[in-house]
Amino acid sequence: MRKGKEVSASDMELLLRTRDRSPVLFERVMELLQIVNEPTTRRADDVEFSVIDNLRQMGKDALTSWGQERCGDETIKVLEHTPELKRAGKKNSIGKPPTEP
């Protein structure tokens, strides 16, 4: 953990980039900041549970965002290097006829 109260330009840039690329994750960070900076009118246990719940959701959101970004990158690479593959499209089949009761 860093000591000092100054926020570096690179930290601010990272925060702004996160806001643009992953708004859900950015919102989770902001919620956590609000929890720890709100007036202490709640019990310590309630604040602790709020922080834990927020961090769990933040972890889930972070991994989901990371996975979607990586999956999209890999899909584009594969499609570029394998011309016989194509993205999923509309089915040409009319499907199975419904069965009569």
N, C-alpha and C. Protein backbone atom coordinates (compact mmCIF):
# COMPACT_ATOMS: atom_id res chain seq x y z
N MET A 1 0.85 -1.18 0.00
CA MET A 1 0.00 0.00 0.00
C MET A 1 0.89 1.23 0.00
N ARG A 2 0.52 2.21 -0.77
CA ARG A 2 1.29 3.43 -0.87
C ARG A 2 1.06 4.33 0.32
N LYS A 3 2.10 5.04 0.70
CA LYS A 3 1.98 6.03 1.76
C LYS A 3 1.85 7.40 1.13
N GLY A 4 1.23 8.30 1.82
CA GLY A 4 1.07 9.65 1.31
C GLY A 4 -0.33 9.87 0.80
N LYS A 5 -0.66 11.13 0.61
CA LYS A 5 -2.02 11.47 0.23
C LYS A 5 -2.15 11.91 -1.22
N GLU A 6 -1.05 12.05 -1.92
CA GLU A 6 -1.12 12.50 -3.31
C GLU A 6 -1.53 11.37 -4.22
N VAL A 7 -2.36 11.70 -5.18
CA VAL A 7 -2.78 10.74 -6.20
C VAL A 7 -1.99 11.08 -7.45
N SER A 8 -1.30 10.08 -7.98
CA SER A 8 -0.46 10.32 -9.15
C SER A 8 -1.33 10.48 -10.40
N ALA A 9 -0.73 11.06 -11.41
CA ALA A 9 -1.43 11.23 -12.69
C ALA A 9 -1.76 9.87 -13.29
N SER A 10 -0.88 8.91 -13.12
CA SER A 10 -1.15 7.58 -13.69
C SER A 10 -2.31 6.90 -12.96
N ASP A 11 -2.46 7.15 -11.64
CA ASP A 11 -3.60 6.61 -10.90
C ASP A 11 -4.90 7.22 -11.40
N MET A 12 -4.89 8.52 -11.63
CA MET A 12 -6.09 9.19 -12.13
C MET A 12 -6.42 8.71 -13.54
N GLU A 13 -5.39 8.50 -14.35
CA GLU A 13 -5.60 8.01 -15.70
C GLU A 13 -6.21 6.61 -15.66
N LEU A 14 -5.72 5.77 -14.75
CA LEU A 14 -6.26 4.42 -14.61
C LEU A 14 -7.72 4.47 -14.18
N LEU A 15 -8.04 5.33 -13.25
CA LEU A 15 -9.42 5.46 -12.78
C LEU A 15 -10.34 5.92 -13.92
N LEU A 16 -9.91 6.89 -14.70
CA LEU A 16 -10.71 7.37 -15.82
C LEU A 16 -10.85 6.33 -16.92
N ARG A 17 -9.77 5.60 -17.16
CA ARG A 17 -9.82 4.52 -18.16
C ARG A 17 -10.78 3.42 -17.72
N THR A 18 -10.77 3.12 -16.41
CA THR A 18 -11.69 2.12 -15.87
C THR A 18 -13.13 2.59 -16.03
N ARG A 19 -13.37 3.87 -15.77
CA ARG A 19 -14.71 4.43 -15.93
C ARG A 19 -15.21 4.24 -17.37
N ASP A 20 -14.32 4.46 -18.33
CA ASP A 20 -14.71 4.37 -19.74
C ASP A 20 -14.85 2.93 -20.22
N ARG A 21 -13.93 2.06 -19.80
CA ARG A 21 -13.91 0.70 -20.31
C ARG A 21 -14.79 -0.26 -19.53
N SER A 22 -14.98 0.01 -18.25
CA SER A 22 -15.75 -0.91 -17.42
C SER A 22 -16.59 -0.11 -16.41
N PRO A 23 -17.69 0.46 -16.89
CA PRO A 23 -18.49 1.31 -16.00
C PRO A 23 -19.04 0.58 -14.78
N VAL A 24 -19.32 -0.71 -14.90
CA VAL A 24 -19.84 -1.47 -13.76
C VAL A 24 -18.77 -1.56 -12.67
N LEU A 25 -17.55 -1.84 -13.06
CA LEU A 25 -16.46 -1.92 -12.09
C LEU A 25 -16.21 -0.55 -11.46
N PHE A 26 -16.25 0.49 -12.26
CA PHE A 26 -16.08 1.84 -11.74
C PHE A 26 -17.14 2.16 -10.69
N GLU A 27 -18.38 1.78 -10.96
CA GLU A 27 -19.47 2.02 -10.00
C GLU A 27 -19.22 1.27 -8.70
N ARG A 28 -18.70 0.06 -8.78
CA ARG A 28 -18.39 -0.71 -7.57
C ARG A 28 -17.32 0.00 -6.73
N VAL A 29 -16.31 0.52 -7.39
CA VAL A 29 -15.26 1.25 -6.69
C VAL A 29 -15.85 2.48 -5.99
N MET A 30 -16.71 3.18 -6.71
CA MET A 30 -17.34 4.37 -6.13
C MET A 30 -18.24 4.00 -4.94
N GLU A 31 -18.96 2.89 -5.05
CA GLU A 31 -19.80 2.43 -3.94
C GLU A 31 -18.95 2.12 -2.71
N LEU A 32 -17.81 1.47 -2.93
CA LEU A 32 -16.92 1.14 -1.82
C LEU A 32 -16.41 2.42 -1.15
N LEU A 33 -16.04 3.38 -1.95
CA LEU A 33 -15.57 4.65 -1.40
C LEU A 33 -16.67 5.34 -0.59
N GLN A 34 -17.89 5.26 -1.08
CA GLN A 34 -19.00 5.85 -0.33
C GLN A 34 -19.23 5.14 0.99
N ILE A 35 -19.12 3.82 0.99
CA ILE A 35 -19.32 3.05 2.22
C ILE A 35 -18.30 3.45 3.28
N VAL A 36 -17.03 3.51 2.89
CA VAL A 36 -15.99 3.78 3.88
C VAL A 36 -15.88 5.26 4.25
N ASN A 37 -16.50 6.13 3.46
CA ASN A 37 -16.43 7.56 3.77
C ASN A 37 -17.72 8.14 4.32
N GLU A 38 -18.76 7.33 4.44
CA GLU A 38 -20.02 7.86 4.96
C GLU A 38 -19.91 8.08 6.47
N PRO A 39 -20.73 8.95 7.00
CA PRO A 39 -20.71 9.16 8.46
C PRO A 39 -20.99 7.85 9.18
N THR A 40 -20.36 7.65 10.29
CA THR A 40 -20.45 6.38 11.02
C THR A 40 -21.69 6.33 11.90
N THR A 41 -22.85 6.30 11.28
CA THR A 41 -24.09 6.15 12.03
C THR A 41 -24.52 4.69 12.10
N ARG A 42 -23.85 3.84 11.34
CA ARG A 42 -24.18 2.41 11.34
C ARG A 42 -23.24 1.66 12.25
N ARG A 43 -23.65 0.49 12.62
CA ARG A 43 -22.80 -0.37 13.44
C ARG A 43 -21.61 -0.87 12.61
N ALA A 44 -20.54 -1.16 13.29
CA ALA A 44 -19.33 -1.64 12.60
C ALA A 44 -19.61 -2.93 11.85
N ASP A 45 -20.42 -3.82 12.42
CA ASP A 45 -20.75 -5.08 11.73
C ASP A 45 -21.48 -4.82 10.41
N ASP A 46 -22.39 -3.85 10.42
CA ASP A 46 -23.13 -3.53 9.19
C ASP A 46 -22.20 -2.99 8.11
N VAL A 47 -21.29 -2.13 8.52
CA VAL A 47 -20.32 -1.57 7.56
C VAL A 47 -19.42 -2.69 7.03
N GLU A 48 -18.98 -3.57 7.92
CA GLU A 48 -18.12 -4.68 7.51
C GLU A 48 -18.82 -5.56 6.48
N PHE A 49 -20.08 -5.91 6.73
CA PHE A 49 -20.81 -6.75 5.79
C PHE A 49 -21.02 -6.02 4.45
N SER A 50 -21.25 -4.73 4.50
CA SER A 50 -21.40 -3.95 3.26
C SER A 50 -20.11 -3.96 2.45
N VAL A 51 -19.00 -3.78 3.13
CA VAL A 51 -17.70 -3.78 2.44
C VAL A 51 -17.42 -5.16 1.83
N ILE A 52 -17.65 -6.21 2.61
CA ILE A 52 -17.41 -7.57 2.12
C ILE A 52 -18.28 -7.87 0.90
N ASP A 53 -19.56 -7.54 1.00
CA ASP A 53 -20.49 -7.78 -0.12
C ASP A 53 -20.05 -7.00 -1.36
N ASN A 54 -19.67 -5.75 -1.15
CA ASN A 54 -19.23 -4.93 -2.27
C ASN A 54 -17.97 -5.50 -2.91
N LEU A 55 -17.02 -5.95 -2.11
CA LEU A 55 -15.77 -6.50 -2.65
C LEU A 55 -16.02 -7.80 -3.41
N ARG A 56 -16.94 -8.61 -2.92
CA ARG A 56 -17.28 -9.85 -3.65
C ARG A 56 -17.87 -9.53 -5.01
N GLN A 57 -18.81 -8.60 -5.03
CA GLN A 57 -19.42 -8.20 -6.30
C GLN A 57 -18.40 -7.56 -7.23
N MET A 58 -17.50 -6.75 -6.63
CA MET A 58 -16.47 -6.10 -7.43
C MET A 58 -15.56 -7.15 -8.08
N GLY A 59 -15.19 -8.17 -7.33
CA GLY A 59 -14.36 -9.24 -7.88
C GLY A 59 -15.06 -9.95 -9.02
N LYS A 60 -16.34 -10.25 -8.82
CA LYS A 60 -17.12 -10.92 -9.87
C LYS A 60 -17.20 -10.03 -11.11
N ASP A 61 -17.51 -8.76 -10.92
CA ASP A 61 -17.61 -7.83 -12.04
C ASP A 61 -16.28 -7.66 -12.76
N ALA A 62 -15.19 -7.59 -11.98
CA ALA A 62 -13.86 -7.42 -12.57
C ALA A 62 -13.49 -8.61 -13.44
N LEU A 63 -13.73 -9.82 -12.94
CA LEU A 63 -13.39 -11.01 -13.71
C LEU A 63 -14.29 -11.16 -14.93
N THR A 64 -15.55 -10.81 -14.81
CA THR A 64 -16.46 -10.87 -15.95
C THR A 64 -16.01 -9.90 -17.03
N SER A 65 -15.69 -8.68 -16.63
CA SER A 65 -15.22 -7.67 -17.58
C SER A 65 -13.93 -8.11 -18.25
N TRP A 66 -13.01 -8.62 -17.45
CA TRP A 66 -11.72 -9.08 -17.99
C TRP A 66 -11.94 -10.22 -18.99
N GLY A 67 -12.78 -11.17 -18.62
CA GLY A 67 -13.03 -12.31 -19.49
C GLY A 67 -13.69 -11.91 -20.80
N GLN A 68 -14.66 -11.01 -20.74
CA GLN A 68 -15.33 -10.57 -21.95
C GLN A 68 -14.37 -9.84 -22.88
N GLU A 69 -13.51 -9.03 -22.30
CA GLU A 69 -12.54 -8.30 -23.11
C GLU A 69 -11.56 -9.26 -23.78
N ARG A 70 -11.06 -10.23 -23.03
CA ARG A 70 -10.10 -11.18 -23.59
C ARG A 70 -10.76 -12.09 -24.62
N CYS A 71 -11.97 -12.51 -24.34
CA CYS A 71 -12.69 -13.39 -25.26
C CYS A 71 -12.93 -12.68 -26.58
N GLY A 72 -13.32 -11.41 -26.52
CA GLY A 72 -13.54 -10.64 -27.74
C GLY A 72 -12.28 -10.49 -28.55
N ASP A 73 -11.15 -10.23 -27.88
CA ASP A 73 -9.87 -10.10 -28.57
C ASP A 73 -9.49 -11.40 -29.27
N GLU A 74 -9.65 -12.51 -28.57
CA GLU A 74 -9.28 -13.82 -29.13
C GLU A 74 -10.19 -14.18 -30.30
N THR A 75 -11.46 -13.88 -30.18
CA THR A 75 -12.41 -14.18 -31.26
C THR A 75 -12.02 -13.43 -32.52
N ILE A 76 -11.69 -12.18 -32.39
CA ILE A 76 -11.30 -11.37 -33.56
C ILE A 76 -10.05 -11.96 -34.21
N LYS A 77 -9.06 -12.34 -33.39
CA LYS A 77 -7.83 -12.91 -33.94
C LYS A 77 -8.11 -14.19 -34.71
N VAL A 78 -8.91 -15.08 -34.13
CA VAL A 78 -9.20 -16.36 -34.78
C VAL A 78 -9.96 -16.13 -36.08
N LEU A 79 -10.94 -15.23 -36.06
CA LEU A 79 -11.71 -14.97 -37.27
C LEU A 79 -10.84 -14.37 -38.38
N GLU A 80 -9.87 -13.55 -38.00
CA GLU A 80 -8.99 -12.94 -39.00
C GLU A 80 -8.06 -13.98 -39.64
N HIS A 81 -7.61 -14.96 -38.85
CA HIS A 81 -6.64 -15.94 -39.34
C HIS A 81 -7.28 -17.21 -39.89
N THR A 82 -8.58 -17.35 -39.76
CA THR A 82 -9.25 -18.55 -40.24
C THR A 82 -10.46 -18.11 -41.08
N PRO A 83 -10.24 -17.86 -42.37
CA PRO A 83 -11.32 -17.32 -43.19
C PRO A 83 -12.53 -18.25 -43.34
N GLU A 84 -12.32 -19.57 -43.18
CA GLU A 84 -13.46 -20.49 -43.35
C GLU A 84 -14.45 -20.42 -42.18
N LEU A 85 -14.01 -19.82 -41.07
CA LEU A 85 -14.92 -19.63 -39.94
C LEU A 85 -15.72 -18.36 -40.16
N LYS A 86 -16.93 -18.37 -39.70
CA LYS A 86 -17.72 -17.15 -39.74
C LYS A 86 -18.53 -17.06 -38.46
N ARG A 87 -18.91 -15.86 -38.13
CA ARG A 87 -19.70 -15.65 -36.92
C ARG A 87 -21.04 -16.34 -37.03
N ALA A 88 -21.61 -16.64 -35.87
CA ALA A 88 -22.93 -17.25 -35.86
C ALA A 88 -23.92 -16.32 -36.53
N GLY A 89 -24.77 -16.88 -37.31
CA GLY A 89 -25.77 -16.08 -38.01
C GLY A 89 -27.15 -16.68 -37.82
N LYS A 90 -28.08 -16.19 -38.55
CA LYS A 90 -29.44 -16.67 -38.46
C LYS A 90 -29.51 -18.07 -39.07
N LYS A 91 -30.29 -18.93 -38.44
CA LYS A 91 -30.44 -20.28 -38.95
C LYS A 91 -31.22 -20.27 -40.26
N ASN A 92 -30.87 -21.19 -41.15
CA ASN A 92 -31.58 -21.32 -42.41
C ASN A 92 -32.73 -22.33 -42.29
N SER A 93 -32.67 -23.16 -41.29
CA SER A 93 -33.68 -24.21 -41.11
C SER A 93 -34.97 -23.61 -40.58
N ILE A 94 -36.08 -24.23 -40.95
CA ILE A 94 -37.35 -23.78 -40.40
C ILE A 94 -37.64 -24.49 -39.08
N GLY A 95 -36.78 -25.43 -38.72
CA GLY A 95 -36.94 -26.13 -37.45
C GLY A 95 -37.85 -27.33 -37.57
N LYS A 96 -38.11 -27.97 -36.45
CA LYS A 96 -38.98 -29.14 -36.43
C LYS A 96 -40.44 -28.68 -36.40
N PRO A 97 -41.28 -29.39 -37.10
CA PRO A 97 -42.69 -29.03 -37.01
C PRO A 97 -43.23 -29.37 -35.63
N PRO A 98 -44.17 -28.61 -35.14
CA PRO A 98 -44.71 -28.91 -33.81
C PRO A 98 -45.43 -30.23 -33.81
N THR A 99 -45.34 -30.93 -32.69
CA THR A 99 -46.04 -32.22 -32.57
C THR A 99 -47.48 -31.95 -32.16
N GLU A 100 -48.35 -32.81 -32.65
CA GLU A 100 -49.77 -32.64 -32.31
C GLU A 100 -50.05 -33.32 -30.98
N PRO A 101 -50.92 -32.72 -30.15
CA PRO A 101 -51.24 -33.34 -28.86
C PRO A 101 -52.07 -34.56 -28.98
